[in-house]
Amino acid sequence: YGAVYPTNELLKKMTGEEFNPDYYIRYL
């Protein structure tokens, strides 16, 4: 998709939700 979709739209399209730092906090 390159730059066709903005970040949050692309994330939601893939994962079902926009940027969510909870995953990073939990991962670390």
mmCIF file of all heavy atoms, coordinates in Angstrom:
data_MODEL
# 
_entry.id   MODEL 
# 
loop_
_atom_site.group_PDB 
_atom_site.id 
_atom_site.type_symbol 
_atom_site.label_atom_id 
_atom_site.label_alt_id 
_atom_site.label_comp_id 
_atom_site.label_asym_id 
_atom_site.label_entity_id 
_atom_site.label_seq_id 
_atom_site.pdbx_PDB_ins_code 
_atom_site.Cartn_x 
_atom_site.Cartn_y 
_atom_site.Cartn_z 
_atom_site.occupancy 
_atom_site.B_iso_or_equiv 
_atom_site.pdbx_formal_charge 
_atom_site.auth_seq_id 
_atom_site.auth_comp_id 
_atom_site.auth_asym_id 
_atom_site.auth_atom_id 
_atom_site.pdbx_PDB_model_num 
ATOM 1   N N   . TYR A 1 1  ? 0.804   -1.224 0.000  1.00 0.00 ? 1  TYR A N   1 
ATOM 2   C CA  . TYR A 1 1  ? 0.000   0.000  0.000  1.00 0.00 ? 1  TYR A CA  1 
ATOM 3   C C   . TYR A 1 1  ? 0.838   1.275  0.000  1.00 0.00 ? 1  TYR A C   1 
ATOM 4   O O   . TYR A 1 1  ? 0.297   2.363  -0.210 1.00 0.00 ? 1  TYR A O   1 
ATOM 5   C CB  . TYR A 1 1  ? -0.932  0.011  1.211  1.00 0.00 ? 1  TYR A CB  1 
ATOM 6   C CG  . TYR A 1 1  ? -1.974  -1.086 1.196  1.00 0.00 ? 1  TYR A CG  1 
ATOM 7   C CD1 . TYR A 1 1  ? -1.974  -2.085 2.164  1.00 0.00 ? 1  TYR A CD1 1 
ATOM 8   C CD2 . TYR A 1 1  ? -2.956  -1.117 0.212  1.00 0.00 ? 1  TYR A CD2 1 
ATOM 9   C CE1 . TYR A 1 1  ? -2.925  -3.094 2.155  1.00 0.00 ? 1  TYR A CE1 1 
ATOM 10  C CE2 . TYR A 1 1  ? -3.916  -2.121 0.186  1.00 0.00 ? 1  TYR A CE2 1 
ATOM 11  C CZ  . TYR A 1 1  ? -3.895  -3.113 1.170  1.00 0.00 ? 1  TYR A CZ  1 
ATOM 12  O OH  . TYR A 1 1  ? -4.843  -4.109 1.148  1.00 0.00 ? 1  TYR A OH  1 
ATOM 13  N N   . GLY A 1 2  ? 2.149   1.168  0.265  1.00 0.00 ? 2  GLY A N   1 
ATOM 14  C CA  . GLY A 1 2  ? 2.966   2.366  0.306  1.00 0.00 ? 2  GLY A CA  1 
ATOM 15  C C   . GLY A 1 2  ? 2.370   3.406  1.231  1.00 0.00 ? 2  GLY A C   1 
ATOM 16  O O   . GLY A 1 2  ? 2.103   3.146  2.399  1.00 0.00 ? 2  GLY A O   1 
ATOM 17  N N   . ALA A 1 3  ? 2.131   4.605  0.669  1.00 0.00 ? 3  ALA A N   1 
ATOM 18  C CA  . ALA A 1 3  ? 1.574   5.706  1.460  1.00 0.00 ? 3  ALA A CA  1 
ATOM 19  C C   . ALA A 1 3  ? 0.103   5.969  1.139  1.00 0.00 ? 3  ALA A C   1 
ATOM 20  O O   . ALA A 1 3  ? -0.403  7.062  1.374  1.00 0.00 ? 3  ALA A O   1 
ATOM 21  C CB  . ALA A 1 3  ? 2.394   6.972  1.224  1.00 0.00 ? 3  ALA A CB  1 
ATOM 22  N N   . VAL A 1 4  ? -0.583  4.969  0.608  1.00 0.00 ? 4  VAL A N   1 
ATOM 23  C CA  . VAL A 1 4  ? -1.982  5.154  0.205  1.00 0.00 ? 4  VAL A CA  1 
ATOM 24  C C   . VAL A 1 4  ? -2.877  5.449  1.407  1.00 0.00 ? 4  VAL A C   1 
ATOM 25  O O   . VAL A 1 4  ? -3.760  6.313  1.351  1.00 0.00 ? 4  VAL A O   1 
ATOM 26  C CB  . VAL A 1 4  ? -2.500  3.923  -0.567 1.00 0.00 ? 4  VAL A CB  1 
ATOM 27  C CG1 . VAL A 1 4  ? -4.020  3.986  -0.755 1.00 0.00 ? 4  VAL A CG1 1 
ATOM 28  C CG2 . VAL A 1 4  ? -1.802  3.825  -1.917 1.00 0.00 ? 4  VAL A CG2 1 
ATOM 29  N N   . TYR A 1 5  ? -2.640  4.733  2.522  1.00 0.00 ? 5  TYR A N   1 
ATOM 30  C CA  . TYR A 1 5  ? -3.474  4.915  3.713  1.00 0.00 ? 5  TYR A CA  1 
ATOM 31  C C   . TYR A 1 5  ? -2.664  5.554  4.838  1.00 0.00 ? 5  TYR A C   1 
ATOM 32  O O   . TYR A 1 5  ? -1.520  5.161  5.076  1.00 0.00 ? 5  TYR A O   1 
ATOM 33  C CB  . TYR A 1 5  ? -4.020  3.569  4.196  1.00 0.00 ? 5  TYR A CB  1 
ATOM 34  C CG  . TYR A 1 5  ? -4.886  2.865  3.188  1.00 0.00 ? 5  TYR A CG  1 
ATOM 35  C CD1 . TYR A 1 5  ? -4.397  1.772  2.472  1.00 0.00 ? 5  TYR A CD1 1 
ATOM 36  C CD2 . TYR A 1 5  ? -6.186  3.283  2.945  1.00 0.00 ? 5  TYR A CD2 1 
ATOM 37  C CE1 . TYR A 1 5  ? -5.188  1.116  1.532  1.00 0.00 ? 5  TYR A CE1 1 
ATOM 38  C CE2 . TYR A 1 5  ? -6.988  2.633  2.011  1.00 0.00 ? 5  TYR A CE2 1 
ATOM 39  C CZ  . TYR A 1 5  ? -6.482  1.547  1.307  1.00 0.00 ? 5  TYR A CZ  1 
ATOM 40  O OH  . TYR A 1 5  ? -7.265  0.907  0.378  1.00 0.00 ? 5  TYR A OH  1 
ATOM 41  N N   . PRO A 1 6  ? -3.231  6.512  5.567  1.00 0.00 ? 6  PRO A N   1 
ATOM 42  C CA  . PRO A 1 6  ? -2.554  7.077  6.746  1.00 0.00 ? 6  PRO A CA  1 
ATOM 43  C C   . PRO A 1 6  ? -2.273  5.980  7.784  1.00 0.00 ? 6  PRO A C   1 
ATOM 44  O O   . PRO A 1 6  ? -2.909  4.926  7.775  1.00 0.00 ? 6  PRO A O   1 
ATOM 45  C CB  . PRO A 1 6  ? -3.568  8.098  7.280  1.00 0.00 ? 6  PRO A CB  1 
ATOM 46  C CG  . PRO A 1 6  ? -4.436  8.429  6.113  1.00 0.00 ? 6  PRO A CG  1 
ATOM 47  C CD  . PRO A 1 6  ? -4.526  7.163  5.304  1.00 0.00 ? 6  PRO A CD  1 
ATOM 48  N N   . THR A 1 7  ? -1.328  6.247  8.678  1.00 0.00 ? 7  THR A N   1 
ATOM 49  C CA  . THR A 1 7  ? -0.873  5.242  9.644  1.00 0.00 ? 7  THR A CA  1 
ATOM 50  C C   . THR A 1 7  ? -2.020  4.588  10.412 1.00 0.00 ? 7  THR A C   1 
ATOM 51  O O   . THR A 1 7  ? -2.138  3.356  10.447 1.00 0.00 ? 7  THR A O   1 
ATOM 52  C CB  . THR A 1 7  ? 0.125   5.879  10.636 1.00 0.00 ? 7  THR A CB  1 
ATOM 53  O OG1 . THR A 1 7  ? 1.270   6.322  9.922  1.00 0.00 ? 7  THR A OG1 1 
ATOM 54  C CG2 . THR A 1 7  ? 0.551   4.873  11.698 1.00 0.00 ? 7  THR A CG2 1 
ATOM 55  N N   . ASN A 1 8  ? -2.852  5.394  11.048 1.00 0.00 ? 8  ASN A N   1 
ATOM 56  C CA  . ASN A 1 8  ? -3.925  4.824  11.858 1.00 0.00 ? 8  ASN A CA  1 
ATOM 57  C C   . ASN A 1 8  ? -4.929  4.046  11.015 1.00 0.00 ? 8  ASN A C   1 
ATOM 58  O O   . ASN A 1 8  ? -5.453  3.015  11.441 1.00 0.00 ? 8  ASN A O   1 
ATOM 59  C CB  . ASN A 1 8  ? -4.640  5.916  12.654 1.00 0.00 ? 8  ASN A CB  1 
ATOM 60  C CG  . ASN A 1 8  ? -3.966  6.184  13.989 1.00 0.00 ? 8  ASN A CG  1 
ATOM 61  O OD1 . ASN A 1 8  ? -3.450  5.263  14.634 1.00 0.00 ? 8  ASN A OD1 1 
ATOM 62  N ND2 . ASN A 1 8  ? -3.958  7.434  14.399 1.00 0.00 ? 8  ASN A ND2 1 
ATOM 63  N N   . GLU A 1 9  ? -5.193  4.521  9.810  1.00 0.00 ? 9  GLU A N   1 
ATOM 64  C CA  . GLU A 1 9  ? -6.116  3.807  8.923  1.00 0.00 ? 9  GLU A CA  1 
ATOM 65  C C   . GLU A 1 9  ? -5.530  2.465  8.495  1.00 0.00 ? 9  GLU A C   1 
ATOM 66  O O   . GLU A 1 9  ? -6.225  1.448  8.437  1.00 0.00 ? 9  GLU A O   1 
ATOM 67  C CB  . GLU A 1 9  ? -6.432  4.667  7.706  1.00 0.00 ? 9  GLU A CB  1 
ATOM 68  C CG  . GLU A 1 9  ? -7.555  4.105  6.840  1.00 0.00 ? 9  GLU A CG  1 
ATOM 69  C CD  . GLU A 1 9  ? -7.949  5.037  5.700  1.00 0.00 ? 9  GLU A CD  1 
ATOM 70  O OE1 . GLU A 1 9  ? -7.647  6.249  5.784  1.00 0.00 ? 9  GLU A OE1 1 
ATOM 71  O OE2 . GLU A 1 9  ? -8.564  4.542  4.736  1.00 0.00 ? 9  GLU A OE2 1 
ATOM 72  N N   . LEU A 1 10 ? -4.235  2.468  8.198  1.00 0.00 ? 10 LEU A N   1 
ATOM 73  C CA  . LEU A 1 10 ? -3.585  1.224  7.794  1.00 0.00 ? 10 LEU A CA  1 
ATOM 74  C C   . LEU A 1 10 ? -3.531  0.229  8.953  1.00 0.00 ? 10 LEU A C   1 
ATOM 75  O O   . LEU A 1 10 ? -3.774  -0.969 8.777  1.00 0.00 ? 10 LEU A O   1 
ATOM 76  C CB  . LEU A 1 10 ? -2.175  1.522  7.286  1.00 0.00 ? 10 LEU A CB  1 
ATOM 77  C CG  . LEU A 1 10 ? -1.390  0.351  6.682  1.00 0.00 ? 10 LEU A CG  1 
ATOM 78  C CD1 . LEU A 1 10 ? -2.138  -0.255 5.498  1.00 0.00 ? 10 LEU A CD1 1 
ATOM 79  C CD2 . LEU A 1 10 ? -0.001  0.796  6.254  1.00 0.00 ? 10 LEU A CD2 1 
ATOM 80  N N   . LEU A 1 11 ? -3.223  0.736  10.152 1.00 0.00 ? 11 LEU A N   1 
ATOM 81  C CA  . LEU A 1 11 ? -3.206  -0.135 11.326 1.00 0.00 ? 11 LEU A CA  1 
ATOM 82  C C   . LEU A 1 11 ? -4.579  -0.736 11.593 1.00 0.00 ? 11 LEU A C   1 
ATOM 83  O O   . LEU A 1 11 ? -4.701  -1.930 11.897 1.00 0.00 ? 11 LEU A O   1 
ATOM 84  C CB  . LEU A 1 11 ? -2.742  0.650  12.556 1.00 0.00 ? 11 LEU A CB  1 
ATOM 85  C CG  . LEU A 1 11 ? -1.241  0.728  12.820 1.00 0.00 ? 11 LEU A CG  1 
ATOM 86  C CD1 . LEU A 1 11 ? -0.966  1.638  13.995 1.00 0.00 ? 11 LEU A CD1 1 
ATOM 87  C CD2 . LEU A 1 11 ? -0.645  -0.651 13.034 1.00 0.00 ? 11 LEU A CD2 1 
ATOM 88  N N   . LYS A 1 12 ? -5.599  0.094  11.488 1.00 0.00 ? 12 LYS A N   1 
ATOM 89  C CA  . LYS A 1 12 ? -6.966  -0.404 11.724 1.00 0.00 ? 12 LYS A CA  1 
ATOM 90  C C   . LYS A 1 12 ? -7.369  -1.399 10.655 1.00 0.00 ? 12 LYS A C   1 
ATOM 91  O O   . LYS A 1 12 ? -8.032  -2.408 10.938 1.00 0.00 ? 12 LYS A O   1 
ATOM 92  C CB  . LYS A 1 12 ? -7.953  0.764  11.763 1.00 0.00 ? 12 LYS A CB  1 
ATOM 93  C CG  . LYS A 1 12 ? -9.327  0.352  12.274 1.00 0.00 ? 12 LYS A CG  1 
ATOM 94  C CD  . LYS A 1 12 ? -10.183 1.557  12.607 1.00 0.00 ? 12 LYS A CD  1 
ATOM 95  C CE  . LYS A 1 12 ? -11.510 1.085  13.217 1.00 0.00 ? 12 LYS A CE  1 
ATOM 96  N NZ  . LYS A 1 12 ? -12.369 2.241  13.595 1.00 0.00 ? 12 LYS A NZ  1 
ATOM 97  N N   . LYS A 1 13 ? -6.973  -1.140 9.433  1.00 0.00 ? 13 LYS A N   1 
ATOM 98  C CA  . LYS A 1 13 ? -7.262  -2.046 8.320  1.00 0.00 ? 13 LYS A CA  1 
ATOM 99  C C   . LYS A 1 13 ? -6.627  -3.420 8.563  1.00 0.00 ? 13 LYS A C   1 
ATOM 100 O O   . LYS A 1 13 ? -7.210  -4.452 8.237  1.00 0.00 ? 13 LYS A O   1 
ATOM 101 C CB  . LYS A 1 13 ? -6.716  -1.432 7.026  1.00 0.00 ? 13 LYS A CB  1 
ATOM 102 C CG  . LYS A 1 13 ? -7.034  -2.184 5.733  1.00 0.00 ? 13 LYS A CG  1 
ATOM 103 C CD  . LYS A 1 13 ? -6.458  -1.401 4.555  1.00 0.00 ? 13 LYS A CD  1 
ATOM 104 C CE  . LYS A 1 13 ? -6.642  -2.151 3.255  1.00 0.00 ? 13 LYS A CE  1 
ATOM 105 N NZ  . LYS A 1 13 ? -8.045  -2.294 2.844  1.00 0.00 ? 13 LYS A NZ  1 
ATOM 106 N N   . MET A 1 14 ? -5.451  -3.421 9.195  1.00 0.00 ? 14 MET A N   1 
ATOM 107 C CA  . MET A 1 14 ? -4.727  -4.672 9.425  1.00 0.00 ? 14 MET A CA  1 
ATOM 108 C C   . MET A 1 14 ? -5.118  -5.339 10.743 1.00 0.00 ? 14 MET A C   1 
ATOM 109 O O   . MET A 1 14 ? -5.431  -6.524 10.780 1.00 0.00 ? 14 MET A O   1 
ATOM 110 C CB  . MET A 1 14 ? -3.215  -4.420 9.411  1.00 0.00 ? 14 MET A CB  1 
ATOM 111 C CG  . MET A 1 14 ? -2.386  -5.663 9.670  1.00 0.00 ? 14 MET A CG  1 
ATOM 112 S SD  . MET A 1 14 ? -0.620  -5.290 9.762  1.00 0.00 ? 14 MET A SD  1 
ATOM 113 C CE  . MET A 1 14 ? 0.046   -6.949 10.001 1.00 0.00 ? 14 MET A CE  1 
ATOM 114 N N   . THR A 1 15 ? -5.091  -4.562 11.836 1.00 0.00 ? 15 THR A N   1 
ATOM 115 C CA  . THR A 1 15 ? -5.237  -5.160 13.168 1.00 0.00 ? 15 THR A CA  1 
ATOM 116 C C   . THR A 1 15 ? -6.604  -4.940 13.803 1.00 0.00 ? 15 THR A C   1 
ATOM 117 O O   . THR A 1 15 ? -6.912  -5.538 14.834 1.00 0.00 ? 15 THR A O   1 
ATOM 118 C CB  . THR A 1 15 ? -4.182  -4.592 14.142 1.00 0.00 ? 15 THR A CB  1 
ATOM 119 O OG1 . THR A 1 15 ? -4.485  -3.210 14.420 1.00 0.00 ? 15 THR A OG1 1 
ATOM 120 C CG2 . THR A 1 15 ? -2.780  -4.687 13.545 1.00 0.00 ? 15 THR A CG2 1 
ATOM 121 N N   . GLY A 1 16 ? -7.401  -4.037 13.212 1.00 0.00 ? 16 GLY A N   1 
ATOM 122 C CA  . GLY A 1 16 ? -8.718  -3.755 13.774 1.00 0.00 ? 16 GLY A CA  1 
ATOM 123 C C   . GLY A 1 16 ? -8.742  -2.604 14.746 1.00 0.00 ? 16 GLY A C   1 
ATOM 124 O O   . GLY A 1 16 ? -9.802  -2.250 15.262 1.00 0.00 ? 16 GLY A O   1 
ATOM 125 N N   . GLU A 1 17 ? -7.572  -2.001 15.031 1.00 0.00 ? 17 GLU A N   1 
ATOM 126 C CA  . GLU A 1 17 ? -7.539  -0.845 15.923 1.00 0.00 ? 17 GLU A CA  1 
ATOM 127 C C   . GLU A 1 17 ? -6.424  0.099  15.521 1.00 0.00 ? 17 GLU A C   1 
ATOM 128 O O   . GLU A 1 17 ? -5.466  -0.282 14.858 1.00 0.00 ? 17 GLU A O   1 
ATOM 129 C CB  . GLU A 1 17 ? -7.384  -1.262 17.381 1.00 0.00 ? 17 GLU A CB  1 
ATOM 130 C CG  . GLU A 1 17 ? -6.116  -2.014 17.703 1.00 0.00 ? 17 GLU A CG  1 
ATOM 131 C CD  . GLU A 1 17 ? -6.016  -2.420 19.170 1.00 0.00 ? 17 GLU A CD  1 
ATOM 132 O OE1 . GLU A 1 17 ? -6.370  -1.589 20.037 1.00 0.00 ? 17 GLU A OE1 1 
ATOM 133 O OE2 . GLU A 1 17 ? -5.590  -3.546 19.431 1.00 0.00 ? 17 GLU A OE2 1 
ATOM 134 N N   . GLU A 1 18 ? -6.572  1.363  15.927 1.00 0.00 ? 18 GLU A N   1 
ATOM 135 C CA  . GLU A 1 18 ? -5.559  2.361  15.635 1.00 0.00 ? 18 GLU A CA  1 
ATOM 136 C C   . GLU A 1 18 ? -4.369  2.196  16.592 1.00 0.00 ? 18 GLU A C   1 
ATOM 137 O O   . GLU A 1 18 ? -4.336  1.259  17.386 1.00 0.00 ? 18 GLU A O   1 
ATOM 138 C CB  . GLU A 1 18 ? -6.182  3.762  15.737 1.00 0.00 ? 18 GLU A CB  1 
ATOM 139 C CG  . GLU A 1 18 ? -7.267  4.004  14.695 1.00 0.00 ? 18 GLU A CG  1 
ATOM 140 C CD  . GLU A 1 18 ? -7.827  5.410  14.731 1.00 0.00 ? 18 GLU A CD  1 
ATOM 141 O OE1 . GLU A 1 18 ? -7.573  6.145  15.718 1.00 0.00 ? 18 GLU A OE1 1 
ATOM 142 O OE2 . GLU A 1 18 ? -8.530  5.788  13.775 1.00 0.00 ? 18 GLU A OE2 1 
ATOM 143 N N   . PHE A 1 19 ? -3.405  3.110  16.481 1.00 0.00 ? 19 PHE A N   1 
ATOM 144 C CA  . PHE A 1 19 ? -2.203  3.058  17.303 1.00 0.00 ? 19 PHE A CA  1 
ATOM 145 C C   . PHE A 1 19 ? -2.547  2.867  18.776 1.00 0.00 ? 19 PHE A C   1 
ATOM 146 O O   . PHE A 1 19 ? -3.326  3.614  19.357 1.00 0.00 ? 19 PHE A O   1 
ATOM 147 C CB  . PHE A 1 19 ? -1.413  4.364  17.128 1.00 0.00 ? 19 PHE A CB  1 
ATOM 148 C CG  . PHE A 1 19 ? -0.190  4.465  17.988 1.00 0.00 ? 19 PHE A CG  1 
ATOM 149 C CD1 . PHE A 1 19 ? 0.938   3.716  17.716 1.00 0.00 ? 19 PHE A CD1 1 
ATOM 150 C CD2 . PHE A 1 19 ? -0.161  5.328  19.077 1.00 0.00 ? 19 PHE A CD2 1 
ATOM 151 C CE1 . PHE A 1 19 ? 2.078   3.821  18.506 1.00 0.00 ? 19 PHE A CE1 1 
ATOM 152 C CE2 . PHE A 1 19 ? 0.965   5.450  19.867 1.00 0.00 ? 19 PHE A CE2 1 
ATOM 153 C CZ  . PHE A 1 19 ? 2.087   4.688  19.583 1.00 0.00 ? 19 PHE A CZ  1 
ATOM 154 N N   . ASN A 1 20 ? -1.948  1.831  19.373 1.00 0.00 ? 20 ASN A N   1 
ATOM 155 C CA  . ASN A 1 20 ? -2.213  1.518  20.773 1.00 0.00 ? 20 ASN A CA  1 
ATOM 156 C C   . ASN A 1 20 ? -0.902  1.105  21.439 1.00 0.00 ? 20 ASN A C   1 
ATOM 157 O O   . ASN A 1 20 ? -0.423  -0.017 21.241 1.00 0.00 ? 20 ASN A O   1 
ATOM 158 C CB  . ASN A 1 20 ? -3.232  0.382  20.872 1.00 0.00 ? 20 ASN A CB  1 
ATOM 159 C CG  . ASN A 1 20 ? -3.627  0.081  22.309 1.00 0.00 ? 20 ASN A CG  1 
ATOM 160 O OD1 . ASN A 1 20 ? -2.994  0.550  23.252 1.00 0.00 ? 20 ASN A OD1 1 
ATOM 161 N ND2 . ASN A 1 20 ? -4.667  -0.719 22.491 1.00 0.00 ? 20 ASN A ND2 1 
ATOM 162 N N   . PRO A 1 21 ? -0.295  2.003  22.230 1.00 0.00 ? 21 PRO A N   1 
ATOM 163 C CA  . PRO A 1 21 ? 1.002   1.700  22.839 1.00 0.00 ? 21 PRO A CA  1 
ATOM 164 C C   . PRO A 1 21 ? 0.945   0.656  23.952 1.00 0.00 ? 21 PRO A C   1 
ATOM 165 O O   . PRO A 1 21 ? 1.985   0.229  24.453 1.00 0.00 ? 21 PRO A O   1 
ATOM 166 C CB  . PRO A 1 21 ? 1.453   3.056  23.385 1.00 0.00 ? 21 PRO A CB  1 
ATOM 167 C CG  . PRO A 1 21 ? 0.189   3.809  23.613 1.00 0.00 ? 21 PRO A CG  1 
ATOM 168 C CD  . PRO A 1 21 ? -0.757  3.362  22.551 1.00 0.00 ? 21 PRO A CD  1 
ATOM 169 N N   . ASP A 1 22 ? -0.256  0.229  24.341 1.00 0.00 ? 22 ASP A N   1 
ATOM 170 C CA  . ASP A 1 22 ? -0.370  -0.785 25.401 1.00 0.00 ? 22 ASP A CA  1 
ATOM 171 C C   . ASP A 1 22 ? 0.413   -2.048 25.046 1.00 0.00 ? 22 ASP A C   1 
ATOM 172 O O   . ASP A 1 22 ? 0.998   -2.691 25.924 1.00 0.00 ? 22 ASP A O   1 
ATOM 173 C CB  . ASP A 1 22 ? -1.829  -1.161 25.644 1.00 0.00 ? 22 ASP A CB  1 
ATOM 174 C CG  . ASP A 1 22 ? -2.614  -0.044 26.327 1.00 0.00 ? 22 ASP A CG  1 
ATOM 175 O OD1 . ASP A 1 22 ? -1.978  0.914  26.805 1.00 0.00 ? 22 ASP A OD1 1 
ATOM 176 O OD2 . ASP A 1 22 ? -3.850  -0.129 26.367 1.00 0.00 ? 22 ASP A OD2 1 
ATOM 177 N N   . TYR A 1 23 ? 0.407   -2.407 23.773 1.00 0.00 ? 23 TYR A N   1 
ATOM 178 C CA  . TYR A 1 23 ? 1.095   -3.629 23.360 1.00 0.00 ? 23 TYR A CA  1 
ATOM 179 C C   . TYR A 1 23 ? 2.601   -3.522 23.583 1.00 0.00 ? 23 TYR A C   1 
ATOM 180 O O   . TYR A 1 23 ? 3.257   -4.486 23.972 1.00 0.00 ? 23 TYR A O   1 
ATOM 181 C CB  . TYR A 1 23 ? 0.811   -3.927 21.881 1.00 0.00 ? 23 TYR A CB  1 
ATOM 182 C CG  . TYR A 1 23 ? -0.645  -4.218 21.605 1.00 0.00 ? 23 TYR A CG  1 
ATOM 183 C CD1 . TYR A 1 23 ? -1.472  -3.255 21.036 1.00 0.00 ? 23 TYR A CD1 1 
ATOM 184 C CD2 . TYR A 1 23 ? -1.206  -5.457 21.942 1.00 0.00 ? 23 TYR A CD2 1 
ATOM 185 C CE1 . TYR A 1 23 ? -2.816  -3.519 20.784 1.00 0.00 ? 23 TYR A CE1 1 
ATOM 186 C CE2 . TYR A 1 23 ? -2.544  -5.728 21.689 1.00 0.00 ? 23 TYR A CE2 1 
ATOM 187 C CZ  . TYR A 1 23 ? -3.339  -4.750 21.125 1.00 0.00 ? 23 TYR A CZ  1 
ATOM 188 O OH  . TYR A 1 23 ? -4.660  -5.014 20.889 1.00 0.00 ? 23 TYR A OH  1 
ATOM 189 N N   . TYR A 1 24 ? 3.150   -2.359 23.328 1.00 0.00 ? 24 TYR A N   1 
ATOM 190 C CA  . TYR A 1 24 ? 4.585   -2.140 23.514 1.00 0.00 ? 24 TYR A CA  1 
ATOM 191 C C   . TYR A 1 24 ? 4.941   -2.161 24.992 1.00 0.00 ? 24 TYR A C   1 
ATOM 192 O O   . TYR A 1 24 ? 5.941   -2.794 25.394 1.00 0.00 ? 24 TYR A O   1 
ATOM 193 C CB  . TYR A 1 24 ? 4.964   -0.795 22.891 1.00 0.00 ? 24 TYR A CB  1 
ATOM 194 C CG  . TYR A 1 24 ? 6.438   -0.488 22.863 1.00 0.00 ? 24 TYR A CG  1 
ATOM 195 C CD1 . TYR A 1 24 ? 7.401   -1.467 22.613 1.00 0.00 ? 24 TYR A CD1 1 
ATOM 196 C CD2 . TYR A 1 24 ? 6.890   0.823  23.065 1.00 0.00 ? 24 TYR A CD2 1 
ATOM 197 C CE1 . TYR A 1 24 ? 8.743   -1.160 22.565 1.00 0.00 ? 24 TYR A CE1 1 
ATOM 198 C CE2 . TYR A 1 24 ? 8.229   1.144  23.017 1.00 0.00 ? 24 TYR A CE2 1 
ATOM 199 C CZ  . TYR A 1 24 ? 9.160   0.155  22.771 1.00 0.00 ? 24 TYR A CZ  1 
ATOM 200 O OH  . TYR A 1 24 ? 10.506  0.463  22.732 1.00 0.00 ? 24 TYR A OH  1 
ATOM 201 N N   . ILE A 1 25 ? 4.142   -1.493 25.815 1.00 0.00 ? 25 ILE A N   1 
ATOM 202 C CA  . ILE A 1 25 ? 4.370   -1.488 27.256 1.00 0.00 ? 25 ILE A CA  1 
ATOM 203 C C   . ILE A 1 25 ? 4.348   -2.916 27.797 1.00 0.00 ? 25 ILE A C   1 
ATOM 204 O O   . ILE A 1 25 ? 5.243   -3.326 28.567 1.00 0.00 ? 25 ILE A O   1 
ATOM 205 C CB  . ILE A 1 25 ? 3.293   -0.644 27.981 1.00 0.00 ? 25 ILE A CB  1 
ATOM 206 C CG1 . ILE A 1 25 ? 3.275   0.806  27.462 1.00 0.00 ? 25 ILE A CG1 1 
ATOM 207 C CG2 . ILE A 1 25 ? 3.483   -0.709 29.485 1.00 0.00 ? 25 ILE A CG2 1 
ATOM 208 C CD1 . ILE A 1 25 ? 4.473   1.613  27.784 1.00 0.00 ? 25 ILE A CD1 1 
ATOM 209 N N   . ARG A 1 26 ? 3.344   -3.679 27.391 1.00 0.00 ? 26 ARG A N   1 
ATOM 210 C CA  . ARG A 1 26 ? 3.222   -5.058 27.861 1.00 0.00 ? 26 ARG A CA  1 
ATOM 211 C C   . ARG A 1 26 ? 4.371   -5.930 27.333 1.00 0.00 ? 26 ARG A C   1 
ATOM 212 O O   . ARG A 1 26 ? 4.923   -6.764 28.065 1.00 0.00 ? 26 ARG A O   1 
ATOM 213 C CB  . ARG A 1 26 ? 1.875   -5.636 27.431 1.00 0.00 ? 26 ARG A CB  1 
ATOM 214 C CG  . ARG A 1 26 ? 1.620   -7.030 27.998 1.00 0.00 ? 26 ARG A CG  1 
ATOM 215 C CD  . ARG A 1 26 ? 0.166   -7.434 27.873 1.00 0.00 ? 26 ARG A CD  1 
ATOM 216 N NE  . ARG A 1 26 ? -0.212  -7.688 26.488 1.00 0.00 ? 26 ARG A NE  1 
ATOM 217 C CZ  . ARG A 1 26 ? -1.179  -7.055 25.861 1.00 0.00 ? 26 ARG A CZ  1 
ATOM 218 N NH1 . ARG A 1 26 ? -1.883  -6.108 26.465 1.00 0.00 ? 26 ARG A NH1 1 
ATOM 219 N NH2 . ARG A 1 26 ? -1.470  -7.341 24.602 1.00 0.00 ? 26 ARG A NH2 1 
ATOM 220 N N   . TYR A 1 27 ? 4.723   -5.721 26.077 1.00 0.00 ? 27 TYR A N   1 
ATOM 221 C CA  . TYR A 1 27 ? 5.805   -6.497 25.464 1.00 0.00 ? 27 TYR A CA  1 
ATOM 222 C C   . TYR A 1 27 ? 7.111   -6.325 26.234 1.00 0.00 ? 27 TYR A C   1 
ATOM 223 O O   . TYR A 1 27 ? 7.779   -7.304 26.585 1.00 0.00 ? 27 TYR A O   1 
ATOM 224 C CB  . TYR A 1 27 ? 5.972   -6.061 24.013 1.00 0.00 ? 27 TYR A CB  1 
ATOM 225 C CG  . TYR A 1 27 ? 7.213   -6.563 23.324 1.00 0.00 ? 27 TYR A CG  1 
ATOM 226 C CD1 . TYR A 1 27 ? 7.283   -7.851 22.802 1.00 0.00 ? 27 TYR A CD1 1 
ATOM 227 C CD2 . TYR A 1 27 ? 8.337   -5.742 23.200 1.00 0.00 ? 27 TYR A CD2 1 
ATOM 228 C CE1 . TYR A 1 27 ? 8.438   -8.311 22.167 1.00 0.00 ? 27 TYR A CE1 1 
ATOM 229 C CE2 . TYR A 1 27 ? 9.493   -6.185 22.568 1.00 0.00 ? 27 TYR A CE2 1 
ATOM 230 C CZ  . TYR A 1 27 ? 9.539   -7.468 22.051 1.00 0.00 ? 27 TYR A CZ  1 
ATOM 231 O OH  . TYR A 1 27 ? 10.683  -7.926 21.433 1.00 0.00 ? 27 TYR A OH  1 
ATOM 232 N N   . LEU A 1 28 ? 7.499   -5.073 26.502 1.00 0.00 ? 28 LEU A N   1 
ATOM 233 C CA  . LEU A 1 28 ? 8.745   -4.821 27.232 1.00 0.00 ? 28 LEU A CA  1 
ATOM 234 C C   . LEU A 1 28 ? 8.692   -5.394 28.646 1.00 0.00 ? 28 LEU A C   1 
ATOM 235 O O   . LEU A 1 28 ? 9.653   -6.015 29.118 1.00 0.00 ? 28 LEU A O   1 
ATOM 236 C CB  . LEU A 1 28 ? 9.028   -3.322 27.287 1.00 0.00 ? 28 LEU A CB  1 
ATOM 237 C CG  . LEU A 1 28 ? 9.446   -2.638 25.987 1.00 0.00 ? 28 LEU A CG  1 
ATOM 238 C CD1 . LEU A 1 28 ? 9.562   -1.126 26.205 1.00 0.00 ? 28 LEU A CD1 1 
ATOM 239 C CD2 . LEU A 1 28 ? 10.758  -3.196 25.460 1.00 0.00 ? 28 LEU A CD2 1 
# 
